[in-house]
Amino acid sequence: MLPAETKGARLDKALTDAAARPGLSRSRIRMLIEAGEVERLSEPCGTVTDASAKVKGAATFRLTLPPPVEAEPQPEDIPLSVVFEDAHLIVVDKPAGMVVHPAPGAWTGTLVNALLAHCGDTLSGIGGERRPGIVHRIDKDTSGLLVVAKSDAAHQGLAAQFAAHDLERSYAALVWGRPDRSNARMAGLPAVSFEPGWVRVETTIGRSRSDRKKMAVNVSDGRGAVTRFHRIDDLGPCSLVECRLETGRTHQIRVHLTHLGFPLVGDQTYGRQRTPPASLDEETRAALAGFPRQALHAKTLGFVHPINGENLQFTSELPGDLSQLVEVLRRIKST
């Protein structure tokens, strides 16, 4: 419980002082808050996610600590599709279904586990530890390209490029509907503007107040997010679009396209379980309804090599499952 005299203090500091428990540092409590593991039991009740929020008076909070886990990821001999590798970094084409970093519910079988085995002694240390330097992530069920640092210098250089948005990142997404300038609802949203050949979406994105496992646009403590996209192919009830990220917020493409009214095919979190139109043949309806993941692929990745200054760009073709679904839709369009 926070006493009345903590009024005006930052929430993370006040909870740290009140907890006074070994292992519950201020940074640890900040992480718990941002992960949605801190709940206010006094009115107004609810989950709090802003560590910098000011305490408004005496109140009771509940902190939920996750169960203890293995301290360090272990190397696992998992096949990787390596697109590029040198002494400083590695670019991999991640399959759908693979988690990038160990987390609750997925402590093994992750990309980090695979990289520890693949890279071995070529990892020269990130922050004093022999581990891969993860500078960006894509969701478990999103496929495509990631760059990972093998040295501390490369990690710092890549992190600086991501922070400055100085990279090229494009994604292929299969969405419901037909997003273009003629869509009156989309064009009327304040988040939308039009640039030559592209639709620009700008909102804030933060954790949903109603479901902490989801992200939402325009929440009060959200961070700025910009996505540009354009339609590549009209596929009947769906469209294939290219998305380019200016920022890299959690679930950014999925949240932005859903906000516009064009959720990704197969997205169980944001897609509202769309039903394929009854006018489609049975095979196509089954292919769309049965697609097991969000139809999103990290297709292009470009950046400056953080050590030698070389301009690098990599492209990954659509994986088999998404490519097959696109071909099914193209066949019905041509008939």
C-alpha atoms as a PDB file:
ATOM      1  CA  MET A   1       0.000   0.000   0.000  1.00  0.00           C
ATOM      2  CA  LEU A   2       1.260   3.486  -0.844  1.00  0.00           C
ATOM      3  CA  PRO A   3       0.770   6.048   1.929  1.00  0.00           C
ATOM      4  CA  ALA A   4      -0.696   9.490   1.309  1.00  0.00           C
ATOM      5  CA  GLU A   5       2.711  11.165   1.547  1.00  0.00           C
ATOM      6  CA  THR A   6       3.817   9.511  -1.696  1.00  0.00           C
ATOM      7  CA  LYS A   7       1.465  11.809  -3.611  1.00  0.00           C
ATOM      8  CA  GLY A   8       3.280  13.344  -6.579  1.00  0.00           C
ATOM      9  CA  ALA A   9       6.026  10.695  -6.719  1.00  0.00           C
ATOM     10  CA  ARG A  10       6.633   8.524  -9.771  1.00  0.00           C
ATOM     11  CA  LEU A  11       4.761   5.252  -9.494  1.00  0.00           C
ATOM     12  CA  ASP A  12       7.811   3.038 -10.103  1.00  0.00           C
ATOM     13  CA  LYS A  13       9.832   4.826  -7.394  1.00  0.00           C
ATOM     14  CA  ALA A  14       6.988   4.803  -4.877  1.00  0.00           C
ATOM     15  CA  LEU A  15       6.370   1.084  -5.380  1.00  0.00           C
ATOM     16  CA  THR A  16      10.091   0.338  -5.094  1.00  0.00           C
ATOM     17  CA  ASP A  17      10.320   2.208  -1.779  1.00  0.00           C
ATOM     18  CA  ALA A  18       7.159   0.530  -0.493  1.00  0.00           C
ATOM     19  CA  ALA A  19       8.192  -2.982  -1.533  1.00  0.00           C
ATOM     20  CA  ALA A  20      11.678  -2.805   0.021  1.00  0.00           C
ATOM     21  CA  ARG A  21      12.323  -6.379  -1.097  1.00  0.00           C
ATOM     22  CA  PRO A  22      15.614  -7.801  -2.417  1.00  0.00           C
ATOM     23  CA  GLY A  23      15.419  -8.350  -6.182  1.00  0.00           C
ATOM     24  CA  LEU A  24      12.634  -5.806  -6.677  1.00  0.00           C
ATOM     25  CA  SER A  25      14.759  -2.982  -8.004  1.00  0.00           C
ATOM     26  CA  ARG A  26      13.233   0.093  -9.567  1.00  0.00           C
ATOM     27  CA  SER A  27      14.088  -1.170 -13.058  1.00  0.00           C
ATOM     28  CA  ARG A  28      12.486  -4.522 -12.240  1.00  0.00           C
ATOM     29  CA  ILE A  29       9.295  -2.852 -11.005  1.00  0.00           C
ATOM     30  CA  ARG A  30       9.268  -0.611 -14.085  1.00  0.00           C
ATOM     31  CA  MET A  31       9.389  -3.737 -16.284  1.00  0.00           C
ATOM     32  CA  LEU A  32       6.521  -5.299 -14.297  1.00  0.00           C
ATOM     33  CA  ILE A  33       4.430  -2.152 -14.755  1.00  0.00           C
ATOM     34  CA  GLU A  34       5.081  -1.984 -18.500  1.00  0.00           C
ATOM     35  CA  ALA A  35       4.290  -5.704 -18.824  1.00  0.00           C
ATOM     36  CA  GLY A  36       0.871  -5.144 -17.245  1.00  0.00           C
ATOM     37  CA  GLU A  37       1.708  -7.026 -14.051  1.00  0.00           C
ATOM     38  CA  VAL A  38       0.759  -4.201 -11.657  1.00  0.00           C
ATOM     39  CA  GLU A  39      -2.875  -3.675 -10.715  1.00  0.00           C
ATOM     40  CA  ARG A  40      -4.415  -0.814  -8.752  1.00  0.00           C
ATOM     41  CA  LEU A  41      -6.858  -2.241  -6.203  1.00  0.00           C
ATOM     42  CA  SER A  42      -8.097   1.144  -4.975  1.00  0.00           C
ATOM     43  CA  GLU A  43     -10.589   3.237  -6.947  1.00  0.00           C
ATOM     44  CA  PRO A  44     -10.196   3.672  -9.860  1.00  0.00           C
ATOM     45  CA  CYS A  45      -9.222  -0.003 -10.117  1.00  0.00           C
ATOM     46  CA  GLY A  46      -7.391  -1.536 -13.025  1.00  0.00           C
ATOM     47  CA  THR A  47      -4.073  -2.437 -14.583  1.00  0.00           C
ATOM     48  CA  VAL A  48      -1.487   0.336 -14.762  1.00  0.00           C
ATOM     49  CA  THR A  49       1.162   0.397 -17.490  1.00  0.00           C
ATOM     50  CA  ASP A  50       2.781   3.836 -17.126  1.00  0.00           C
ATOM     51  CA  ALA A  51       5.793   3.643 -14.800  1.00  0.00           C
ATOM     52  CA  SER A  52       6.193   7.438 -14.847  1.00  0.00           C
ATOM     53  CA  ALA A  53       2.615   8.154 -13.746  1.00  0.00           C
ATOM     54  CA  LYS A  54       2.347  10.351 -10.661  1.00  0.00           C
ATOM     55  CA  VAL A  55       0.872   8.888  -7.493  1.00  0.00           C
ATOM     56  CA  LYS A  56      -2.373  10.708  -6.658  1.00  0.00           C
ATOM     57  CA  GLY A  57      -2.623   9.690  -3.015  1.00  0.00           C
ATOM     58  CA  ALA A  58      -2.949   6.679  -0.755  1.00  0.00           C
ATOM     59  CA  ALA A  59      -3.674   3.563  -2.801  1.00  0.00           C
ATOM     60  CA  THR A  60      -3.198  -0.187  -2.817  1.00  0.00           C
ATOM     61  CA  PHE A  61      -1.424  -1.984  -5.642  1.00  0.00           C
ATOM     62  CA  ARG A  62      -0.839  -5.663  -6.411  1.00  0.00           C
ATOM     63  CA  LEU A  63       2.355  -6.764  -8.167  1.00  0.00           C
ATOM     64  CA  THR A  64       2.275 -10.139  -9.906  1.00  0.00           C
ATOM     65  CA  LEU A  65       5.703 -11.741 -10.164  1.00  0.00           C
ATOM     66  CA  PRO A  66       6.181 -14.277 -12.981  1.00  0.00           C
ATOM     67  CA  PRO A  67       7.468 -17.700 -11.923  1.00  0.00           C
ATOM     68  CA  PRO A  68      11.243 -18.137 -11.742  1.00  0.00           C
ATOM     69  CA  VAL A  69      12.848 -19.305 -14.965  1.00  0.00           C
ATOM     70  CA  GLU A  70      16.149 -20.596 -16.194  1.00  0.00           C
ATOM     71  CA  ALA A  71      18.672 -17.763 -15.952  1.00  0.00           C
ATOM     72  CA  GLU A  72      20.281 -18.114 -19.369  1.00  0.00           C
ATOM     73  CA  PRO A  73      19.091 -19.444 -22.743  1.00  0.00           C
ATOM     74  CA  GLN A  74      20.865 -22.608 -23.801  1.00  0.00           C
ATOM     75  CA  PRO A  75      22.219 -23.432 -27.283  1.00  0.00           C
ATOM     76  CA  GLU A  76      19.903 -25.657 -29.337  1.00  0.00           C
ATOM     77  CA  ASP A  77      20.700 -27.260 -32.666  1.00  0.00           C
ATOM     78  CA  ILE A  78      17.839 -25.752 -34.648  1.00  0.00           C
ATOM     79  CA  PRO A  79      18.209 -25.256 -38.436  1.00  0.00           C
ATOM     80  CA  LEU A  80      18.444 -21.640 -39.546  1.00  0.00           C
ATOM     81  CA  SER A  81      18.022 -20.000 -42.939  1.00  0.00           C
ATOM     82  CA  VAL A  82      21.084 -17.735 -42.971  1.00  0.00           C
ATOM     83  CA  VAL A  83      20.958 -14.965 -45.592  1.00  0.00           C
ATOM     84  CA  PHE A  84      24.211 -13.242 -44.627  1.00  0.00           C
ATOM     85  CA  GLU A  85      26.867 -13.655 -41.962  1.00  0.00           C
ATOM     86  CA  ASP A  86      30.247 -12.194 -41.108  1.00  0.00           C
ATOM     87  CA  ALA A  87      32.253 -11.649 -37.942  1.00  0.00           C
ATOM     88  CA  HIS A  88      29.982  -8.842 -36.761  1.00  0.00           C
ATOM     89  CA  LEU A  89      26.396  -9.719 -37.639  1.00  0.00           C
ATOM     90  CA  ILE A  90      24.053 -12.313 -39.062  1.00  0.00           C
ATOM     91  CA  VAL A  91      20.864 -11.912 -41.123  1.00  0.00           C
ATOM     92  CA  VAL A  92      18.371 -14.760 -40.892  1.00  0.00           C
ATOM     93  CA  ASP A  93      15.057 -15.539 -42.584  1.00  0.00           C
ATOM     94  CA  LYS A  94      12.885 -16.539 -39.626  1.00  0.00           C
ATOM     95  CA  PRO A  95      10.101 -19.060 -40.223  1.00  0.00           C
ATOM     96  CA  ALA A  96       6.613 -18.445 -38.909  1.00  0.00           C
ATOM     97  CA  GLY A  97       6.087 -20.134 -35.559  1.00  0.00           C
ATOM     98  CA  MET A  98       9.525 -19.343 -34.108  1.00  0.00           C
ATOM     99  CA  VAL A  99       9.759 -16.973 -31.155  1.00  0.00           C
ATOM    100  CA  VAL A 100      12.695 -14.560 -31.377  1.00  0.00           C
ATOM    101  CA  HIS A 101      13.673 -14.318 -27.701  1.00  0.00           C
ATOM    102  CA  PRO A 102      12.927 -16.646 -24.751  1.00  0.00           C
ATOM    103  CA  ALA A 103       9.881 -15.494 -22.789  1.00  0.00           C
ATOM    104  CA  PRO A 104       7.161 -17.020 -20.594  1.00  0.00           C
ATOM    105  CA  GLY A 105       5.628 -19.937 -22.462  1.00  0.00           C
ATOM    106  CA  ALA A 106       8.567 -20.200 -24.893  1.00  0.00           C
ATOM    107  CA  TRP A 107      11.836 -20.681 -23.029  1.00  0.00           C
ATOM    108  CA  THR A 108      13.221 -23.076 -25.636  1.00  0.00           C
ATOM    109  CA  GLY A 109      13.109 -23.434 -29.413  1.00  0.00           C
ATOM    110  CA  THR A 110      13.635 -19.719 -29.975  1.00  0.00           C
ATOM    111  CA  LEU A 111      15.814 -17.886 -32.457  1.00  0.00           C
ATOM    112  CA  VAL A 112      18.193 -16.968 -29.631  1.00  0.00           C
ATOM    113  CA  ASN A 113      18.599 -20.648 -28.702  1.00  0.00           C
ATOM    114  CA  ALA A 114      19.323 -21.451 -32.340  1.00  0.00           C
ATOM    115  CA  LEU A 115      21.814 -18.577 -32.724  1.00  0.00           C
ATOM    116  CA  LEU A 116      23.726 -19.591 -29.602  1.00  0.00           C
ATOM    117  CA  ALA A 117      24.331 -22.988 -31.195  1.00  0.00           C
ATOM    118  CA  HIS A 118      24.945 -21.700 -34.720  1.00  0.00           C
ATOM    119  CA  CYS A 119      27.309 -18.857 -33.841  1.00  0.00           C
ATOM    120  CA  GLY A 120      29.124 -20.518 -30.956  1.00  0.00           C
ATOM    121  CA  ASP A 121      32.511 -18.922 -30.292  1.00  0.00           C
ATOM    122  CA  THR A 122      32.022 -16.294 -33.009  1.00  0.00           C
ATOM    123  CA  LEU A 123      29.870 -14.334 -30.526  1.00  0.00           C
ATOM    124  CA  SER A 124      32.371 -11.836 -29.158  1.00  0.00           C
ATOM    125  CA  GLY A 125      30.134 -10.512 -26.437  1.00  0.00           C
ATOM    126  CA  ILE A 126      27.222  -8.101 -26.043  1.00  0.00           C
ATOM    127  CA  GLY A 127      27.505  -5.997 -22.913  1.00  0.00           C
ATOM    128  CA  GLY A 128      30.127  -8.380 -21.561  1.00  0.00           C
ATOM    129  CA  GLU A 129      28.071 -11.519 -22.225  1.00  0.00           C
ATOM    130  CA  ARG A 130      28.532 -14.069 -24.994  1.00  0.00           C
ATOM    131  CA  ARG A 131      25.086 -13.788 -26.527  1.00  0.00           C
ATOM    132  CA  PRO A 132      23.410 -12.603 -29.753  1.00  0.00           C
ATOM    133  CA  GLY A 133      22.456  -8.922 -29.807  1.00  0.00           C
ATOM    134  CA  ILE A 134      18.761  -8.679 -30.632  1.00  0.00           C
ATOM    135  CA  VAL A 135      18.105  -5.183 -31.986  1.00  0.00           C
ATOM    136  CA  HIS A 136      14.616  -5.794 -33.397  1.00  0.00           C
ATOM    137  CA  ARG A 137      12.004  -8.531 -33.304  1.00  0.00           C
ATOM    138  CA  ILE A 138       9.125  -9.809 -35.352  1.00  0.00           C
ATOM    139  CA  ASP A 139       6.165 -11.667 -33.921  1.00  0.00           C
ATOM    140  CA  LYS A 140       6.233 -15.420 -33.490  1.00  0.00           C
ATOM    141  CA  ASP A 141       3.782 -15.985 -36.349  1.00  0.00           C
ATOM    142  CA  THR A 142       5.352 -13.409 -38.672  1.00  0.00           C
ATOM    143  CA  SER A 143       7.988 -14.741 -41.049  1.00  0.00           C
ATOM    144  CA  GLY A 144      10.940 -12.982 -42.611  1.00  0.00           C
ATOM    145  CA  LEU A 145      14.206 -11.121 -42.194  1.00  0.00           C
ATOM    146  CA  LEU A 146      16.002 -10.096 -39.010  1.00  0.00           C
ATOM    147  CA  VAL A 147      19.514  -8.817 -38.388  1.00  0.00           C
ATOM    148  CA  VAL A 148      21.287  -9.837 -35.184  1.00  0.00           C
ATOM    149  CA  ALA A 149      24.567  -8.459 -33.840  1.00  0.00           C
ATOM    150  CA  LYS A 150      27.447 -10.772 -32.944  1.00  0.00           C
ATOM    151  CA  SER A 151      29.700  -8.108 -31.400  1.00  0.00           C
ATOM    152  CA  ASP A 152      29.143  -5.226 -29.015  1.00  0.00           C
ATOM    153  CA  ALA A 153      30.266  -2.667 -31.609  1.00  0.00           C
ATOM    154  CA  ALA A 154      27.824  -4.031 -34.180  1.00  0.00           C
ATOM    155  CA  HIS A 155      25.052  -4.089 -31.586  1.00  0.00           C
ATOM    156  CA  GLN A 156      25.551  -0.421 -30.726  1.00  0.00           C
ATOM    157  CA  GLY A 157      25.775   0.589 -34.389  1.00  0.00           C
ATOM    158  CA  LEU A 158      22.631  -1.276 -35.406  1.00  0.00           C
ATOM    159  CA  ALA A 159      20.712  -0.048 -32.360  1.00  0.00           C
ATOM    160  CA  ALA A 160      21.582   3.537 -33.317  1.00  0.00           C
ATOM    161  CA  GLN A 161      20.228   3.010 -36.842  1.00  0.00           C
ATOM    162  CA  PHE A 162      16.984   1.560 -35.500  1.00  0.00           C
ATOM    163  CA  ALA A 163      16.630   4.430 -33.030  1.00  0.00           C
ATOM    164  CA  ALA A 164      17.142   6.966 -35.836  1.00  0.00           C
ATOM    165  CA  HIS A 165      14.827   5.047 -38.216  1.00  0.00           C
ATOM    166  CA  ASP A 166      17.691   4.872 -40.724  1.00  0.00           C
ATOM    167  CA  LEU A 167      16.855   1.404 -42.027  1.00  0.00           C
ATOM    168  CA  GLU A 168      14.769   0.102 -44.883  1.00  0.00           C
ATOM    169  CA  ARG A 169      12.104  -2.345 -43.764  1.00  0.00           C
ATOM    170  CA  SER A 170       9.211  -3.498 -45.895  1.00  0.00           C
ATOM    171  CA  TYR A 171       6.609  -6.176 -45.255  1.00  0.00           C
ATOM    172  CA  ALA A 172       4.185  -8.061 -47.470  1.00  0.00           C
ATOM    173  CA  ALA A 173       0.731  -8.384 -45.906  1.00  0.00           C
ATOM    174  CA  LEU A 174      -2.438 -10.072 -47.101  1.00  0.00           C
ATOM    175  CA  VAL A 175      -5.422  -8.121 -45.799  1.00  0.00           C
ATOM    176  CA  TRP A 176      -9.188  -8.295 -45.972  1.00  0.00           C
ATOM    177  CA  GLY A 177     -10.750  -5.705 -48.261  1.00  0.00           C
ATOM    178  CA  ARG A 178      -9.364  -3.180 -50.693  1.00  0.00           C
ATOM    179  CA  PRO A 179      -7.409  -0.338 -49.075  1.00  0.00           C
ATOM    180  CA  ASP A 180      -6.945   2.558 -51.491  1.00  0.00           C
ATOM    181  CA  ARG A 181      -7.697   6.258 -51.820  1.00  0.00           C
ATOM    182  CA  SER A 182     -11.276   5.605 -52.932  1.00  0.00           C
ATOM    183  CA  ASN A 183     -12.219   4.097 -49.558  1.00  0.00           C
ATOM    184  CA  ALA A 184     -14.222   6.910 -47.939  1.00  0.00           C
ATOM    185  CA  ARG A 185     -14.054   5.534 -44.395  1.00  0.00           C
ATOM    186  CA  MET A 186     -10.277   5.191 -44.466  1.00  0.00           C
ATOM    187  CA  ALA A 187      -9.746   8.567 -46.135  1.00  0.00           C
ATOM    188  CA  GLY A 188     -11.846  10.226 -43.453  1.00  0.00           C
ATOM    189  CA  LEU A 189      -9.731   9.043 -40.535  1.00  0.00           C
ATOM    190  CA  PRO A 190      -7.522  11.751 -38.979  1.00  0.00           C
ATOM    191  CA  ALA A 191      -4.626   9.283 -38.856  1.00  0.00           C
ATOM    192  CA  VAL A 192      -4.539   8.937 -42.662  1.00  0.00           C
ATOM    193  CA  SER A 193      -2.802  11.098 -45.223  1.00  0.00           C
ATOM    194  CA  PHE A 194      -1.841  10.457 -48.835  1.00  0.00           C
ATOM    195  CA  GLU A 195       1.609  10.685 -50.396  1.00  0.00           C
ATOM    196  CA  PRO A 196       2.570   9.913 -54.005  1.00  0.00           C
ATOM    197  CA  GLY A 197       1.929   6.187 -54.356  1.00  0.00           C
ATOM    198  CA  TRP A 198       1.498   5.583 -50.623  1.00  0.00           C
ATOM    199  CA  VAL A 199      -1.029   5.828 -47.815  1.00  0.00           C
ATOM    200  CA  ARG A 200       0.523   7.180 -44.604  1.00  0.00           C
ATOM    201  CA  VAL A 201      -0.840   6.216 -41.178  1.00  0.00           C
ATOM    202  CA  GLU A 202       0.291   8.053 -38.057  1.00  0.00           C
ATOM    203  CA  THR A 203      -1.039   7.382 -34.554  1.00  0.00           C
ATOM    204  CA  THR A 204       0.286   6.561 -31.142  1.00  0.00           C
ATOM    205  CA  ILE A 205       0.366   2.885 -30.190  1.00  0.00           C
ATOM    206  CA  GLY A 206       0.297   1.563 -26.649  1.00  0.00           C
ATOM    207  CA  ARG A 207      -1.037  -1.290 -24.593  1.00  0.00           C
ATOM    208  CA  SER A 208      -4.802  -1.710 -24.744  1.00  0.00           C
ATOM    209  CA  ARG A 209      -6.669  -0.657 -21.617  1.00  0.00           C
ATOM    210  CA  SER A 210      -9.161  -3.514 -22.016  1.00  0.00           C
ATOM    211  CA  ASP A 211      -6.776  -6.347 -22.934  1.00  0.00           C
ATOM    212  CA  ARG A 212      -3.106  -6.094 -21.915  1.00  0.00           C
ATOM    213  CA  LYS A 213      -2.141  -8.723 -24.511  1.00  0.00           C
ATOM    214  CA  LYS A 214      -3.209  -6.374 -27.297  1.00  0.00           C
ATOM    215  CA  MET A 215      -1.969  -3.031 -28.517  1.00  0.00           C
ATOM    216  CA  ALA A 216      -4.230  -0.135 -29.465  1.00  0.00           C
ATOM    217  CA  VAL A 217      -4.021   3.210 -31.249  1.00  0.00           C
ATOM    218  CA  ASN A 218      -4.275   6.620 -29.611  1.00  0.00           C
ATOM    219  CA  VAL A 219      -3.932   5.506 -25.984  1.00  0.00           C
ATOM    220  CA  SER A 220      -2.792   8.282 -23.657  1.00  0.00           C
ATOM    221  CA  ASP A 221       0.616   6.756 -22.890  1.00  0.00           C
ATOM    222  CA  GLY A 222       1.246   5.423 -26.406  1.00  0.00           C
ATOM    223  CA  ARG A 223       4.299   6.135 -28.524  1.00  0.00           C
ATOM    224  CA  GLY A 224       4.307   7.650 -32.002  1.00  0.00           C
ATOM    225  CA  ALA A 225       3.988   5.151 -34.863  1.00  0.00           C
ATOM    226  CA  VAL A 226       4.133   5.731 -38.630  1.00  0.00           C
ATOM    227  CA  THR A 227       3.355   3.139 -41.309  1.00  0.00           C
ATOM    228  CA  ARG A 228       3.216   3.645 -45.077  1.00  0.00           C
ATOM    229  CA  PHE A 229       1.570   1.137 -47.396  1.00  0.00           C
ATOM    230  CA  HIS A 230       0.276   0.657 -50.904  1.00  0.00           C
ATOM    231  CA  ARG A 231      -1.725  -2.052 -52.620  1.00  0.00           C
ATOM    232  CA  ILE A 232       0.308  -4.452 -54.784  1.00  0.00           C
ATOM    233  CA  ASP A 233      -2.445  -6.755 -56.002  1.00  0.00           C
ATOM    234  CA  ASP A 234      -6.232  -6.928 -55.892  1.00  0.00           C
ATOM    235  CA  LEU A 235      -7.164 -10.492 -54.905  1.00  0.00           C
ATOM    236  CA  GLY A 236     -10.945 -10.531 -54.799  1.00  0.00           C
ATOM    237  CA  PRO A 237     -12.009 -10.326 -51.142  1.00  0.00           C
ATOM    238  CA  CYS A 238      -8.402  -9.589 -50.166  1.00  0.00           C
ATOM    239  CA  SER A 239      -5.478  -7.388 -51.163  1.00  0.00           C
ATOM    240  CA  LEU A 240      -1.743  -7.920 -51.101  1.00  0.00           C
ATOM    241  CA  VAL A 241      -0.102  -4.778 -49.732  1.00  0.00           C
ATOM    242  CA  GLU A 242       3.444  -3.604 -49.104  1.00  0.00           C
ATOM    243  CA  CYS A 243       4.042  -1.880 -45.770  1.00  0.00           C
ATOM    244  CA  ARG A 244       7.055   0.214 -44.863  1.00  0.00           C
ATOM    245  CA  LEU A 245       7.868   1.036 -41.261  1.00  0.00           C
ATOM    246  CA  GLU A 246       9.160   4.386 -40.124  1.00  0.00           C
ATOM    247  CA  THR A 247       8.889   3.277 -36.500  1.00  0.00           C
ATOM    248  CA  GLY A 248       8.860  -0.199 -34.979  1.00  0.00           C
ATOM    249  CA  ARG A 249       6.174  -0.448 -32.321  1.00  0.00           C
ATOM    250  CA  THR A 250       4.798  -3.772 -31.094  1.00  0.00           C
ATOM    251  CA  HIS A 251       2.238  -5.181 -33.570  1.00  0.00           C
ATOM    252  CA  GLN A 252       2.426  -1.889 -35.490  1.00  0.00           C
ATOM    253  CA  ILE A 253       1.343  -3.097 -38.943  1.00  0.00           C
ATOM    254  CA  ARG A 254      -1.370  -5.333 -37.532  1.00  0.00           C
ATOM    255  CA  VAL A 255      -2.788  -2.574 -35.336  1.00  0.00           C
ATOM    256  CA  HIS A 256      -2.640   0.141 -38.001  1.00  0.00           C
ATOM    257  CA  LEU A 257      -4.284  -1.923 -40.738  1.00  0.00           C
ATOM    258  CA  THR A 258      -6.999  -3.102 -38.350  1.00  0.00           C
ATOM    259  CA  HIS A 259      -7.612   0.518 -37.319  1.00  0.00           C
ATOM    260  CA  LEU A 260      -8.184   1.369 -40.986  1.00  0.00           C
ATOM    261  CA  GLY A 261     -10.645  -1.517 -41.379  1.00  0.00           C
ATOM    262  CA  PHE A 262      -8.349  -3.950 -43.238  1.00  0.00           C
ATOM    263  CA  PRO A 263      -7.119  -6.576 -40.750  1.00  0.00           C
ATOM    264  CA  LEU A 264      -4.626  -9.203 -41.800  1.00  0.00           C
ATOM    265  CA  VAL A 265      -5.918 -12.549 -42.996  1.00  0.00           C
ATOM    266  CA  GLY A 266      -5.411 -15.141 -40.251  1.00  0.00           C
ATOM    267  CA  ASP A 267      -4.855 -12.599 -37.456  1.00  0.00           C
ATOM    268  CA  GLN A 268      -6.613 -14.153 -34.468  1.00  0.00           C
ATOM    269  CA  THR A 269      -5.784 -11.228 -32.197  1.00  0.00           C
ATOM    270  CA  TYR A 270      -6.893  -8.288 -34.329  1.00  0.00           C
ATOM    271  CA  GLY A 271      -8.795  -9.859 -37.234  1.00  0.00           C
ATOM    272  CA  ARG A 272     -12.115 -10.449 -35.487  1.00  0.00           C
ATOM    273  CA  GLN A 273     -12.181 -13.891 -37.116  1.00  0.00           C
ATOM    274  CA  ARG A 274     -13.389 -12.658 -40.492  1.00  0.00           C
ATOM    275  CA  THR A 275     -15.589 -15.098 -42.411  1.00  0.00           C
ATOM    276  CA  PRO A 276     -14.776 -15.577 -46.123  1.00  0.00           C
ATOM    277  CA  PRO A 277     -17.586 -14.449 -48.427  1.00  0.00           C
ATOM    278  CA  ALA A 278     -20.167 -17.097 -49.283  1.00  0.00           C
ATOM    279  CA  SER A 279     -19.707 -16.292 -52.990  1.00  0.00           C
ATOM    280  CA  LEU A 280     -16.267 -17.958 -52.985  1.00  0.00           C
ATOM    281  CA  ASP A 281     -15.841 -21.611 -53.898  1.00  0.00           C
ATOM    282  CA  GLU A 282     -15.404 -24.112 -51.072  1.00  0.00           C
ATOM    283  CA  GLU A 283     -11.630 -24.572 -51.619  1.00  0.00           C
ATOM    284  CA  THR A 284     -10.928 -20.852 -51.414  1.00  0.00           C
ATOM    285  CA  ARG A 285     -13.159 -20.367 -48.390  1.00  0.00           C
ATOM    286  CA  ALA A 286     -11.366 -23.224 -46.630  1.00  0.00           C
ATOM    287  CA  ALA A 287      -7.928 -21.833 -47.533  1.00  0.00           C
ATOM    288  CA  LEU A 288      -8.784 -18.412 -46.124  1.00  0.00           C
ATOM    289  CA  ALA A 289     -10.584 -19.664 -43.025  1.00  0.00           C
ATOM    290  CA  GLY A 290      -7.852 -22.188 -42.253  1.00  0.00           C
ATOM    291  CA  PHE A 291      -4.821 -19.932 -42.639  1.00  0.00           C
ATOM    292  CA  PRO A 292      -3.209 -20.451 -39.230  1.00  0.00           C
ATOM    293  CA  ARG A 293      -1.308 -17.196 -38.677  1.00  0.00           C
ATOM    294  CA  GLN A 294      -1.331 -13.502 -39.503  1.00  0.00           C
ATOM    295  CA  ALA A 295      -0.442 -13.207 -43.195  1.00  0.00           C
ATOM    296  CA  LEU A 296       2.608 -11.002 -42.673  1.00  0.00           C
ATOM    297  CA  HIS A 297       6.149 -11.418 -43.998  1.00  0.00           C
ATOM    298  CA  ALA A 298       9.226  -9.245 -43.385  1.00  0.00           C
ATOM    299  CA  LYS A 299      10.273  -9.065 -47.018  1.00  0.00           C
ATOM    300  CA  THR A 300      13.041  -6.438 -47.289  1.00  0.00           C
ATOM    301  CA  LEU A 301      15.735  -5.320 -44.871  1.00  0.00           C
ATOM    302  CA  GLY A 302      18.327  -2.697 -45.700  1.00  0.00           C
ATOM    303  CA  PHE A 303      20.894  -1.005 -43.471  1.00  0.00           C
ATOM    304  CA  VAL A 304      24.472   0.282 -43.325  1.00  0.00           C
ATOM    305  CA  HIS A 305      26.961  -2.259 -42.018  1.00  0.00           C
ATOM    306  CA  PRO A 306      27.805  -0.852 -38.567  1.00  0.00           C
ATOM    307  CA  ILE A 307      31.524  -1.706 -38.879  1.00  0.00           C
ATOM    308  CA  ASN A 308      32.615  -1.295 -42.512  1.00  0.00           C
ATOM    309  CA  GLY A 309      29.951   1.171 -43.705  1.00  0.00           C
ATOM    310  CA  GLU A 310      28.778  -1.008 -46.605  1.00  0.00           C
ATOM    311  CA  ASN A 311      25.180  -0.553 -47.748  1.00  0.00           C
ATOM    312  CA  LEU A 312      23.412  -3.894 -47.404  1.00  0.00           C
ATOM    313  CA  GLN A 313      19.967  -4.899 -48.637  1.00  0.00           C
ATOM    314  CA  PHE A 314      18.284  -8.289 -48.443  1.00  0.00           C
ATOM    315  CA  THR A 315      15.021  -9.609 -49.845  1.00  0.00           C
ATOM    316  CA  SER A 316      13.041 -12.696 -48.892  1.00  0.00           C
ATOM    317  CA  GLU A 317      10.377 -14.242 -51.121  1.00  0.00           C
ATOM    318  CA  LEU A 318       6.974 -15.092 -49.686  1.00  0.00           C
ATOM    319  CA  PRO A 319       7.135 -18.351 -47.702  1.00  0.00           C
ATOM    320  CA  GLY A 320       5.281 -21.397 -48.981  1.00  0.00           C
ATOM    321  CA  ASP A 321       2.100 -21.071 -46.932  1.00  0.00           C
ATOM    322  CA  LEU A 322       1.507 -17.427 -47.809  1.00  0.00           C
ATOM    323  CA  SER A 323       2.571 -17.871 -51.434  1.00  0.00           C
ATOM    324  CA  GLN A 324       0.115 -20.750 -51.888  1.00  0.00           C
ATOM    325  CA  LEU A 325      -2.749 -18.729 -50.426  1.00  0.00           C
ATOM    326  CA  VAL A 326      -1.989 -15.818 -52.739  1.00  0.00           C
ATOM    327  CA  GLU A 327      -1.959 -18.165 -55.744  1.00  0.00           C
ATOM    328  CA  VAL A 328      -5.354 -19.605 -54.746  1.00  0.00           C
ATOM    329  CA  LEU A 329      -6.784 -16.097 -54.666  1.00  0.00           C
ATOM    330  CA  ARG A 330      -5.191 -15.182 -57.988  1.00  0.00           C
ATOM    331  CA  ARG A 331      -6.761 -18.235 -59.621  1.00  0.00           C
ATOM    332  CA  ILE A 332     -10.278 -17.270 -58.560  1.00  0.00           C
ATOM    333  CA  LYS A 333      -9.670 -13.722 -59.727  1.00  0.00           C
ATOM    334  CA  SER A 334      -8.703 -14.923 -63.190  1.00  0.00           C
ATOM    335  CA  THR A 335     -11.760 -17.161 -63.611  1.00  0.00           C
END
